[in-house]
Amino acid sequence: MHLSPEQLADDGHLEKALAEIAAAMADPSRIKMLCALMDGRSWTATELGAVAGVAASTASGHLNRLVLSQLVTFLSQGRHRYYRLAGPDIARLIETMMGVSWRRVTPPVTRTPLALRHARTCYDHLAGEVAVAIYDALVEKNWLTQDGAAITAAGADFFAGMGMPVAGKLTRKPCCACLDWSERRFHLGGQAGALLLAYFEKKGWLTRTPGFREVTFTSGGRRALRSLLDIAC
């Protein structure tokens, strides 16, 4: 039986579900695993255990907890299980929590590594200084609404002209404003953000560091950003 949000709240199910999710994340090792999975790729339990600094058996226990809480999903292939975040909504939750947590760090001056702050992935889309600049440029050119909630008709033409249609039947939001935890401003999320990252990578405009969230724009990518959006990076 499907229960409405009001029914869930009345019965206390919503509060219980929220508490279970919070409890699943309330462990430093599991948080390290979730942050590692923010690169949008699939990782094995052994790899995630190494990131978290725990034994493989301990990592499996943590991952089981995350799977049961529907924060993480996995695909079995051969002898291995490959884990990834359960979806872009989970990535947005983690990114928002990073921003909230950063306010508790002292001194307030950011200690984020420069390369990570400049350009990185946020699950399946770009984040960091360059991503914020892209968001601002799209708004300035009237290709994206100010609140990031919609691609304009002119913006749809731009994406389609680049071979990235953001119309038709979609399984997620066409676009959304995603708060960047290091810049405290918005970058582009949703289907449009994912399309941009995939397109940039396909064109060889950026390279990704295996196992990390950093991305590096190539000379061709820097020229393309300057030509398309008047962005210097």
C-alpha atoms as a PDB file:
ATOM      1  CA  MET A   1       0.000   0.000   0.000  1.00  0.00           C
ATOM      2  CA  HIS A   2       1.298   3.423  -0.969  1.00  0.00           C
ATOM      3  CA  LEU A   3       1.147   5.990   1.816  1.00  0.00           C
ATOM      4  CA  SER A   4       1.030   9.717   1.234  1.00  0.00           C
ATOM      5  CA  PRO A   5       3.602  11.992   2.949  1.00  0.00           C
ATOM      6  CA  GLU A   6       0.834  13.144   5.306  1.00  0.00           C
ATOM      7  CA  GLN A   7       0.035   9.555   6.293  1.00  0.00           C
ATOM      8  CA  LEU A   8       3.713   8.790   6.768  1.00  0.00           C
ATOM      9  CA  ALA A   9       4.078  11.793   9.053  1.00  0.00           C
ATOM     10  CA  ASP A  10       0.939  10.941  11.033  1.00  0.00           C
ATOM     11  CA  ASP A  11       2.136   7.407  11.664  1.00  0.00           C
ATOM     12  CA  GLY A  12       5.663   8.460  12.530  1.00  0.00           C
ATOM     13  CA  HIS A  13       7.092   6.532   9.582  1.00  0.00           C
ATOM     14  CA  LEU A  14       8.656   9.625   8.042  1.00  0.00           C
ATOM     15  CA  GLU A  15      10.532  10.531  11.223  1.00  0.00           C
ATOM     16  CA  LYS A  16      11.691   6.930  11.630  1.00  0.00           C
ATOM     17  CA  ALA A  17      12.895   6.738   8.029  1.00  0.00           C
ATOM     18  CA  LEU A  18      14.754  10.035   8.408  1.00  0.00           C
ATOM     19  CA  ALA A  19      16.398   8.839  11.618  1.00  0.00           C
ATOM     20  CA  GLU A  20      17.481   5.596   9.928  1.00  0.00           C
ATOM     21  CA  ILE A  21      19.107   7.489   7.055  1.00  0.00           C
ATOM     22  CA  ALA A  22      20.862   9.825   9.479  1.00  0.00           C
ATOM     23  CA  ALA A  23      22.091   6.860  11.528  1.00  0.00           C
ATOM     24  CA  ALA A  24      23.398   5.118   8.403  1.00  0.00           C
ATOM     25  CA  MET A  25      25.468   8.182   7.573  1.00  0.00           C
ATOM     26  CA  ALA A  26      26.602   8.816  11.142  1.00  0.00           C
ATOM     27  CA  ASP A  27      29.899   6.974  10.837  1.00  0.00           C
ATOM     28  CA  PRO A  28      33.208   8.449   9.582  1.00  0.00           C
ATOM     29  CA  SER A  29      34.055   5.345   7.538  1.00  0.00           C
ATOM     30  CA  ARG A  30      30.687   5.302   5.790  1.00  0.00           C
ATOM     31  CA  ILE A  31      30.928   9.037   5.113  1.00  0.00           C
ATOM     32  CA  LYS A  32      34.340   8.520   3.485  1.00  0.00           C
ATOM     33  CA  MET A  33      32.824   5.833   1.268  1.00  0.00           C
ATOM     34  CA  LEU A  34      29.907   8.043   0.275  1.00  0.00           C
ATOM     35  CA  CYS A  35      32.240  10.921  -0.535  1.00  0.00           C
ATOM     36  CA  ALA A  36      34.382   8.621  -2.682  1.00  0.00           C
ATOM     37  CA  LEU A  37      31.283   7.517  -4.598  1.00  0.00           C
ATOM     38  CA  MET A  38      30.554  11.158  -5.402  1.00  0.00           C
ATOM     39  CA  ASP A  39      32.793  10.766  -8.454  1.00  0.00           C
ATOM     40  CA  GLY A  40      29.837   8.986 -10.081  1.00  0.00           C
ATOM     41  CA  ARG A  41      31.673   5.732 -10.681  1.00  0.00           C
ATOM     42  CA  SER A  42      31.300   2.233  -9.277  1.00  0.00           C
ATOM     43  CA  TRP A  43      33.770   0.985  -6.662  1.00  0.00           C
ATOM     44  CA  THR A  44      34.445  -2.433  -5.156  1.00  0.00           C
ATOM     45  CA  ALA A  45      34.256  -3.072  -1.410  1.00  0.00           C
ATOM     46  CA  THR A  46      38.039  -3.498  -1.339  1.00  0.00           C
ATOM     47  CA  GLU A  47      38.571  -0.103  -2.966  1.00  0.00           C
ATOM     48  CA  LEU A  48      36.103   1.593  -0.667  1.00  0.00           C
ATOM     49  CA  GLY A  49      37.671  -0.102   2.337  1.00  0.00           C
ATOM     50  CA  ALA A  50      41.050   1.324   1.336  1.00  0.00           C
ATOM     51  CA  VAL A  51      39.526   4.803   1.062  1.00  0.00           C
ATOM     52  CA  ALA A  52      37.927   4.475   4.486  1.00  0.00           C
ATOM     53  CA  GLY A  53      41.021   2.860   6.027  1.00  0.00           C
ATOM     54  CA  VAL A  54      39.194  -0.282   7.173  1.00  0.00           C
ATOM     55  CA  ALA A  55      39.529  -4.010   6.473  1.00  0.00           C
ATOM     56  CA  ALA A  56      37.565  -5.561   3.615  1.00  0.00           C
ATOM     57  CA  SER A  57      35.243  -7.421   6.006  1.00  0.00           C
ATOM     58  CA  THR A  58      34.499  -4.208   7.898  1.00  0.00           C
ATOM     59  CA  ALA A  59      33.914  -2.380   4.617  1.00  0.00           C
ATOM     60  CA  SER A  60      31.357  -5.000   3.584  1.00  0.00           C
ATOM     61  CA  GLY A  61      29.441  -4.449   6.804  1.00  0.00           C
ATOM     62  CA  HIS A  62      29.382  -0.699   6.267  1.00  0.00           C
ATOM     63  CA  LEU A  63      28.269  -1.126   2.665  1.00  0.00           C
ATOM     64  CA  ASN A  64      25.458  -3.483   3.661  1.00  0.00           C
ATOM     65  CA  ARG A  65      24.184  -0.785   6.009  1.00  0.00           C
ATOM     66  CA  LEU A  66      24.304   1.809   3.237  1.00  0.00           C
ATOM     67  CA  VAL A  67      22.518  -0.526   0.818  1.00  0.00           C
ATOM     68  CA  LEU A  68      19.766  -1.287   3.341  1.00  0.00           C
ATOM     69  CA  SER A  69      19.288   2.456   3.844  1.00  0.00           C
ATOM     70  CA  GLN A  70      18.980   2.860   0.039  1.00  0.00           C
ATOM     71  CA  LEU A  71      21.878   5.306  -0.041  1.00  0.00           C
ATOM     72  CA  VAL A  72      23.997   2.953  -2.147  1.00  0.00           C
ATOM     73  CA  THR A  73      23.218   0.304  -4.723  1.00  0.00           C
ATOM     74  CA  PHE A  74      25.399  -2.359  -6.338  1.00  0.00           C
ATOM     75  CA  LEU A  75      25.854  -4.454  -9.438  1.00  0.00           C
ATOM     76  CA  SER A  76      27.245  -7.990  -9.228  1.00  0.00           C
ATOM     77  CA  GLN A  77      29.693  -8.836 -11.986  1.00  0.00           C
ATOM     78  CA  GLY A  78      31.764 -11.976 -11.797  1.00  0.00           C
ATOM     79  CA  ARG A  79      33.194 -12.345  -8.289  1.00  0.00           C
ATOM     80  CA  HIS A  80      32.835  -8.669  -7.480  1.00  0.00           C
ATOM     81  CA  ARG A  81      30.151  -6.283  -6.395  1.00  0.00           C
ATOM     82  CA  TYR A  82      30.435  -2.757  -7.733  1.00  0.00           C
ATOM     83  CA  TYR A  83      28.892  -0.122  -5.503  1.00  0.00           C
ATOM     84  CA  ARG A  84      27.621   3.321  -6.472  1.00  0.00           C
ATOM     85  CA  LEU A  85      25.334   5.992  -5.065  1.00  0.00           C
ATOM     86  CA  ALA A  86      21.662   5.121  -5.372  1.00  0.00           C
ATOM     87  CA  GLY A  87      20.964   8.192  -7.508  1.00  0.00           C
ATOM     88  CA  PRO A  88      21.498  11.906  -8.095  1.00  0.00           C
ATOM     89  CA  ASP A  89      19.182  12.779  -5.204  1.00  0.00           C
ATOM     90  CA  ILE A  90      21.618  11.054  -2.831  1.00  0.00           C
ATOM     91  CA  ALA A  91      24.501  12.981  -4.394  1.00  0.00           C
ATOM     92  CA  ARG A  92      22.649  16.262  -3.858  1.00  0.00           C
ATOM     93  CA  LEU A  93      22.027  15.308  -0.230  1.00  0.00           C
ATOM     94  CA  ILE A  94      25.734  14.633   0.353  1.00  0.00           C
ATOM     95  CA  GLU A  95      26.802  17.809  -1.452  1.00  0.00           C
ATOM     96  CA  THR A  96      24.389  19.861   0.675  1.00  0.00           C
ATOM     97  CA  MET A  97      25.682  18.228   3.850  1.00  0.00           C
ATOM     98  CA  MET A  98      29.235  19.092   2.797  1.00  0.00           C
ATOM     99  CA  GLY A  99      28.218  22.735   2.545  1.00  0.00           C
ATOM    100  CA  VAL A 100      26.525  22.678   5.955  1.00  0.00           C
ATOM    101  CA  SER A 101      29.480  20.864   7.530  1.00  0.00           C
ATOM    102  CA  TRP A 102      31.993  23.295   6.071  1.00  0.00           C
ATOM    103  CA  ARG A 103      30.479  26.109   8.141  1.00  0.00           C
ATOM    104  CA  ARG A 104      31.603  24.250  11.273  1.00  0.00           C
ATOM    105  CA  VAL A 105      35.248  24.125  10.207  1.00  0.00           C
ATOM    106  CA  THR A 106      37.632  26.645  11.778  1.00  0.00           C
ATOM    107  CA  PRO A 107      39.328  28.738  10.664  1.00  0.00           C
ATOM    108  CA  PRO A 108      36.673  29.769   8.104  1.00  0.00           C
ATOM    109  CA  VAL A 109      39.253  30.094   5.308  1.00  0.00           C
ATOM    110  CA  THR A 110      38.777  27.148   2.970  1.00  0.00           C
ATOM    111  CA  ARG A 111      41.357  24.365   3.067  1.00  0.00           C
ATOM    112  CA  THR A 112      40.010  22.637  -0.011  1.00  0.00           C
ATOM    113  CA  PRO A 113      42.895  21.625  -2.330  1.00  0.00           C
ATOM    114  CA  LEU A 114      43.120  24.116  -5.176  1.00  0.00           C
ATOM    115  CA  ALA A 115      42.701  21.495  -7.907  1.00  0.00           C
ATOM    116  CA  LEU A 116      39.577  20.096  -6.226  1.00  0.00           C
ATOM    117  CA  ARG A 117      38.117  23.558  -5.727  1.00  0.00           C
ATOM    118  CA  HIS A 118      38.828  24.541  -9.328  1.00  0.00           C
ATOM    119  CA  ALA A 119      37.057  21.635 -11.045  1.00  0.00           C
ATOM    120  CA  ARG A 120      35.680  18.337  -9.804  1.00  0.00           C
ATOM    121  CA  THR A 121      32.726  16.035 -10.269  1.00  0.00           C
ATOM    122  CA  CYS A 122      29.585  16.112  -8.163  1.00  0.00           C
ATOM    123  CA  TYR A 123      28.290  12.611  -8.915  1.00  0.00           C
ATOM    124  CA  ASP A 124      27.484  12.891 -12.652  1.00  0.00           C
ATOM    125  CA  HIS A 125      27.985  16.613 -13.233  1.00  0.00           C
ATOM    126  CA  LEU A 126      30.656  19.276 -12.820  1.00  0.00           C
ATOM    127  CA  ALA A 127      31.311  21.234  -9.638  1.00  0.00           C
ATOM    128  CA  GLY A 128      33.838  23.810  -8.468  1.00  0.00           C
ATOM    129  CA  GLU A 129      34.870  27.221  -9.754  1.00  0.00           C
ATOM    130  CA  VAL A 130      34.553  26.322 -13.433  1.00  0.00           C
ATOM    131  CA  ALA A 131      31.113  24.766 -12.964  1.00  0.00           C
ATOM    132  CA  VAL A 132      29.882  27.862 -11.109  1.00  0.00           C
ATOM    133  CA  ALA A 133      31.220  30.038 -13.941  1.00  0.00           C
ATOM    134  CA  ILE A 134      29.365  27.853 -16.475  1.00  0.00           C
ATOM    135  CA  TYR A 135      26.125  28.237 -14.493  1.00  0.00           C
ATOM    136  CA  ASP A 136      26.538  32.025 -14.344  1.00  0.00           C
ATOM    137  CA  ALA A 137      27.288  32.186 -18.089  1.00  0.00           C
ATOM    138  CA  LEU A 138      24.195  30.142 -18.961  1.00  0.00           C
ATOM    139  CA  VAL A 139      22.041  32.478 -16.862  1.00  0.00           C
ATOM    140  CA  GLU A 140      23.662  35.587 -18.357  1.00  0.00           C
ATOM    141  CA  LYS A 141      23.006  34.342 -21.894  1.00  0.00           C
ATOM    142  CA  ASN A 142      19.390  33.614 -20.925  1.00  0.00           C
ATOM    143  CA  TRP A 143      19.848  29.918 -21.648  1.00  0.00           C
ATOM    144  CA  LEU A 144      19.023  29.009 -18.051  1.00  0.00           C
ATOM    145  CA  THR A 145      16.549  30.633 -15.684  1.00  0.00           C
ATOM    146  CA  GLN A 146      18.017  32.530 -12.731  1.00  0.00           C
ATOM    147  CA  ASP A 147      16.913  29.879 -10.237  1.00  0.00           C
ATOM    148  CA  GLY A 148      18.264  27.061 -12.398  1.00  0.00           C
ATOM    149  CA  ALA A 149      14.872  25.384 -12.501  1.00  0.00           C
ATOM    150  CA  ALA A 150      14.443  25.408 -16.270  1.00  0.00           C
ATOM    151  CA  ILE A 151      16.305  25.566 -19.562  1.00  0.00           C
ATOM    152  CA  THR A 152      14.911  28.380 -21.740  1.00  0.00           C
ATOM    153  CA  ALA A 153      13.892  27.873 -25.370  1.00  0.00           C
ATOM    154  CA  ALA A 154      17.159  29.509 -26.462  1.00  0.00           C
ATOM    155  CA  GLY A 155      19.040  27.263 -24.064  1.00  0.00           C
ATOM    156  CA  ALA A 156      17.339  24.172 -25.456  1.00  0.00           C
ATOM    157  CA  ASP A 157      18.477  25.251 -28.915  1.00  0.00           C
ATOM    158  CA  PHE A 158      22.038  25.645 -27.625  1.00  0.00           C
ATOM    159  CA  PHE A 159      22.090  22.178 -26.046  1.00  0.00           C
ATOM    160  CA  ALA A 160      20.453  20.579 -29.086  1.00  0.00           C
ATOM    161  CA  GLY A 161      22.917  22.298 -31.400  1.00  0.00           C
ATOM    162  CA  MET A 162      25.731  20.761 -29.382  1.00  0.00           C
ATOM    163  CA  GLY A 163      24.140  17.325 -29.695  1.00  0.00           C
ATOM    164  CA  MET A 164      22.801  17.354 -26.140  1.00  0.00           C
ATOM    165  CA  PRO A 165      18.974  17.453 -26.314  1.00  0.00           C
ATOM    166  CA  VAL A 166      17.374  18.187 -22.948  1.00  0.00           C
ATOM    167  CA  ALA A 167      13.805  17.648 -24.155  1.00  0.00           C
ATOM    168  CA  GLY A 168      11.659  14.561 -24.497  1.00  0.00           C
ATOM    169  CA  LYS A 169      11.024  11.821 -21.973  1.00  0.00           C
ATOM    170  CA  LEU A 170      13.461  12.110 -19.070  1.00  0.00           C
ATOM    171  CA  THR A 171      13.898  10.012 -15.960  1.00  0.00           C
ATOM    172  CA  ARG A 172      15.022  12.991 -13.845  1.00  0.00           C
ATOM    173  CA  LYS A 173      14.796  16.769 -13.684  1.00  0.00           C
ATOM    174  CA  PRO A 174      15.969  18.467 -16.897  1.00  0.00           C
ATOM    175  CA  CYS A 175      18.082  20.767 -14.747  1.00  0.00           C
ATOM    176  CA  CYS A 176      18.436  22.129 -11.241  1.00  0.00           C
ATOM    177  CA  ALA A 177      20.587  24.510  -9.234  1.00  0.00           C
ATOM    178  CA  CYS A 178      22.983  22.471  -7.099  1.00  0.00           C
ATOM    179  CA  LEU A 179      24.685  24.352  -4.257  1.00  0.00           C
ATOM    180  CA  ASP A 180      28.451  24.078  -4.613  1.00  0.00           C
ATOM    181  CA  TRP A 181      29.909  23.366  -1.172  1.00  0.00           C
ATOM    182  CA  SER A 182      33.310  24.964  -1.827  1.00  0.00           C
ATOM    183  CA  GLU A 183      32.069  28.039  -3.727  1.00  0.00           C
ATOM    184  CA  ARG A 184      28.767  28.513  -1.837  1.00  0.00           C
ATOM    185  CA  ARG A 185      27.118  29.335  -5.154  1.00  0.00           C
ATOM    186  CA  PHE A 186      25.195  27.257  -7.670  1.00  0.00           C
ATOM    187  CA  HIS A 187      26.424  24.920 -10.353  1.00  0.00           C
ATOM    188  CA  LEU A 188      24.265  23.063 -12.884  1.00  0.00           C
ATOM    189  CA  GLY A 189      22.785  19.719 -11.899  1.00  0.00           C
ATOM    190  CA  GLY A 190      20.062  17.486 -13.316  1.00  0.00           C
ATOM    191  CA  GLN A 191      20.015  16.009 -16.805  1.00  0.00           C
ATOM    192  CA  ALA A 192      21.585  19.109 -18.366  1.00  0.00           C
ATOM    193  CA  GLY A 193      24.520  19.030 -15.944  1.00  0.00           C
ATOM    194  CA  ALA A 194      25.109  15.340 -16.620  1.00  0.00           C
ATOM    195  CA  LEU A 195      24.963  15.924 -20.377  1.00  0.00           C
ATOM    196  CA  LEU A 196      27.552  18.701 -20.154  1.00  0.00           C
ATOM    197  CA  LEU A 197      30.029  16.564 -18.227  1.00  0.00           C
ATOM    198  CA  ALA A 198      29.572  13.606 -20.589  1.00  0.00           C
ATOM    199  CA  TYR A 199      29.910  15.874 -23.636  1.00  0.00           C
ATOM    200  CA  PHE A 200      33.051  17.598 -22.344  1.00  0.00           C
ATOM    201  CA  GLU A 201      34.635  14.227 -21.604  1.00  0.00           C
ATOM    202  CA  LYS A 202      33.660  12.795 -25.003  1.00  0.00           C
ATOM    203  CA  LYS A 203      35.175  15.802 -26.782  1.00  0.00           C
ATOM    204  CA  GLY A 204      38.413  15.436 -24.827  1.00  0.00           C
ATOM    205  CA  TRP A 205      37.913  18.844 -23.219  1.00  0.00           C
ATOM    206  CA  LEU A 206      38.650  17.472 -19.774  1.00  0.00           C
ATOM    207  CA  THR A 207      40.326  14.494 -18.164  1.00  0.00           C
ATOM    208  CA  ARG A 208      39.330  12.752 -14.965  1.00  0.00           C
ATOM    209  CA  THR A 209      41.728  11.531 -12.302  1.00  0.00           C
ATOM    210  CA  PRO A 210      40.949   7.815 -11.723  1.00  0.00           C
ATOM    211  CA  GLY A 211      39.696   7.237  -8.189  1.00  0.00           C
ATOM    212  CA  PHE A 212      39.343  10.928  -7.416  1.00  0.00           C
ATOM    213  CA  ARG A 213      36.831  13.706  -8.104  1.00  0.00           C
ATOM    214  CA  GLU A 214      39.292  16.165  -9.647  1.00  0.00           C
ATOM    215  CA  VAL A 215      38.991  16.953 -13.340  1.00  0.00           C
ATOM    216  CA  THR A 216      41.484  18.847 -15.485  1.00  0.00           C
ATOM    217  CA  PHE A 217      40.482  20.897 -18.504  1.00  0.00           C
ATOM    218  CA  THR A 218      42.705  20.346 -21.517  1.00  0.00           C
ATOM    219  CA  SER A 219      43.972  23.162 -23.713  1.00  0.00           C
ATOM    220  CA  GLY A 220      41.173  22.320 -26.172  1.00  0.00           C
ATOM    221  CA  GLY A 221      38.639  22.446 -23.356  1.00  0.00           C
ATOM    222  CA  ARG A 222      39.860  25.832 -22.183  1.00  0.00           C
ATOM    223  CA  ARG A 223      39.584  27.170 -25.741  1.00  0.00           C
ATOM    224  CA  ALA A 224      36.096  25.725 -26.083  1.00  0.00           C
ATOM    225  CA  LEU A 225      34.875  27.304 -22.841  1.00  0.00           C
ATOM    226  CA  ARG A 226      36.293  30.658 -23.900  1.00  0.00           C
ATOM    227  CA  SER A 227      34.642  30.387 -27.320  1.00  0.00           C
ATOM    228  CA  LEU A 228      31.266  29.036 -26.230  1.00  0.00           C
ATOM    229  CA  LEU A 229      30.714  30.775 -22.895  1.00  0.00           C
ATOM    230  CA  ASP A 230      33.471  33.389 -22.619  1.00  0.00           C
ATOM    231  CA  ILE A 231      34.937  31.558 -19.606  1.00  0.00           C
ATOM    232  CA  ALA A 232      38.651  31.534 -18.824  1.00  0.00           C
ATOM    233  CA  CYS A 233      39.827  28.575 -16.784  1.00  0.00           C
END
